[in-house]
Amino acid sequence: MVAGSPHDRFLIHPEEASMPVRQRFRAQGDDGKEYEILVYVERKDVGGGSYIDLLPQLWTSGGLRVNVVEQGRRYQIVRTGVILESTDPNRF
């Protein structure tokens, strides 16, 4: 999706859906700011006491959705288009 996409408004923030944070890491934005990125993964009950993890969702700690540009290194904030780079060893 492109920054500012109208589809962005249909997403429910993971905290509202009671999804746990699975991972946190830091990234530097091309706007000069540092961001904390939170990785949420929803688990789906497939019956018999078994679960599967669904696709991860990345958000800033300020509530902005983040797309992966290059896994483990580059990301983009959907609404603003800010490119984030991470050298955090805990990155997704």
Protein backbone atom coordinates (compact mmCIF):
# COMPACT_ATOMS: atom_id res chain seq x y z
CA MET A 1 0.00 0.00 0.00
CA VAL A 2 1.05 3.56 -0.59
CA ALA A 3 1.55 6.13 2.15
CA GLY A 4 -1.79 7.59 3.14
CA SER A 5 -3.74 4.79 1.47
CA PRO A 6 -7.49 4.88 2.14
CA HIS A 7 -7.26 1.16 2.99
CA ASP A 8 -5.26 2.13 6.09
CA ARG A 9 -8.43 3.25 7.84
CA PHE A 10 -9.90 -0.28 7.79
CA LEU A 11 -7.14 -1.76 9.91
CA ILE A 12 -7.71 -2.30 13.61
CA HIS A 13 -4.70 -1.51 15.76
CA PRO A 14 -3.43 -4.77 17.30
CA GLU A 15 -3.79 -3.43 20.85
CA GLU A 16 -7.51 -2.96 20.20
CA ALA A 17 -7.66 -6.58 19.02
CA SER A 18 -5.76 -7.73 22.16
CA MET A 19 -2.77 -9.01 20.18
CA PRO A 20 0.42 -9.34 22.23
CA VAL A 21 3.65 -7.61 21.23
CA ARG A 22 6.04 -10.35 20.09
CA GLN A 23 9.07 -8.18 19.45
CA ARG A 24 10.33 -4.58 19.77
CA PHE A 25 13.22 -2.85 18.04
CA ARG A 26 14.54 0.61 17.25
CA ALA A 27 14.83 2.22 13.82
CA GLN A 28 16.11 5.59 12.59
CA GLY A 29 13.82 7.56 10.27
CA ASP A 30 14.96 9.57 7.27
CA ASP A 31 13.22 12.46 9.05
CA GLY A 32 15.95 12.35 11.74
CA LYS A 33 13.73 10.82 14.45
CA GLU A 34 14.18 7.49 16.22
CA TYR A 35 11.19 5.15 16.32
CA GLU A 36 10.30 2.09 18.34
CA ILE A 37 8.75 -0.60 16.14
CA LEU A 38 6.40 -3.16 17.68
CA VAL A 39 5.74 -6.52 16.01
CA TYR A 40 2.34 -8.08 16.67
CA VAL A 41 1.40 -11.61 15.59
CA GLU A 42 -2.17 -12.83 15.90
CA ARG A 43 -2.66 -16.49 16.79
CA LYS A 44 -5.55 -18.41 15.26
CA ASP A 45 -7.13 -21.35 17.05
CA VAL A 46 -7.28 -24.24 14.57
CA GLY A 47 -8.91 -26.61 17.03
CA GLY A 48 -7.70 -29.43 19.20
CA GLY A 49 -5.62 -27.07 21.30
CA SER A 50 -3.49 -26.10 18.28
CA TYR A 51 -2.74 -22.58 17.07
CA ILE A 52 -1.05 -21.05 14.05
CA ASP A 53 0.60 -17.64 13.84
CA LEU A 54 -0.86 -15.33 11.22
CA LEU A 55 1.15 -12.72 9.33
CA PRO A 56 2.93 -10.23 11.58
CA GLN A 57 1.85 -6.60 11.76
CA LEU A 58 4.39 -3.85 12.42
CA TRP A 59 3.43 -0.55 14.07
CA THR A 60 5.32 2.33 15.62
CA SER A 61 4.87 2.77 19.36
CA GLY A 62 2.93 5.92 18.39
CA GLY A 63 0.30 3.86 16.52
CA LEU A 64 1.40 4.23 12.88
CA ARG A 65 1.38 1.15 10.62
CA VAL A 66 4.74 0.10 9.20
CA ASN A 67 5.50 -1.92 6.03
CA VAL A 68 8.63 -4.00 5.51
CA VAL A 69 10.74 -2.71 2.59
CA GLU A 70 13.78 -4.95 3.19
CA GLN A 71 13.32 -7.43 6.03
CA GLY A 72 15.79 -6.91 8.84
CA ARG A 73 16.90 -3.48 7.63
CA ARG A 74 14.44 -1.07 5.93
CA TYR A 75 10.83 -0.23 6.72
CA GLN A 76 8.33 2.48 5.77
CA ILE A 77 5.68 4.23 7.85
CA VAL A 78 2.54 3.88 5.72
CA ARG A 79 0.83 7.16 6.57
CA THR A 80 3.88 9.45 6.28
CA GLY A 81 6.16 7.61 3.85
CA VAL A 82 9.13 8.01 6.25
CA ILE A 83 11.77 5.38 5.54
CA LEU A 84 13.20 3.66 8.63
CA GLU A 85 16.53 1.86 8.88
CA SER A 86 17.48 -0.44 11.72
CA THR A 87 20.75 -1.86 12.92
CA ASP A 88 19.11 -3.15 16.12
CA PRO A 89 20.14 -6.80 16.61
CA ASN A 90 16.55 -7.58 17.73
CA ARG A 91 14.95 -6.29 14.52
CA PHE A 92 12.32 -8.25 12.64
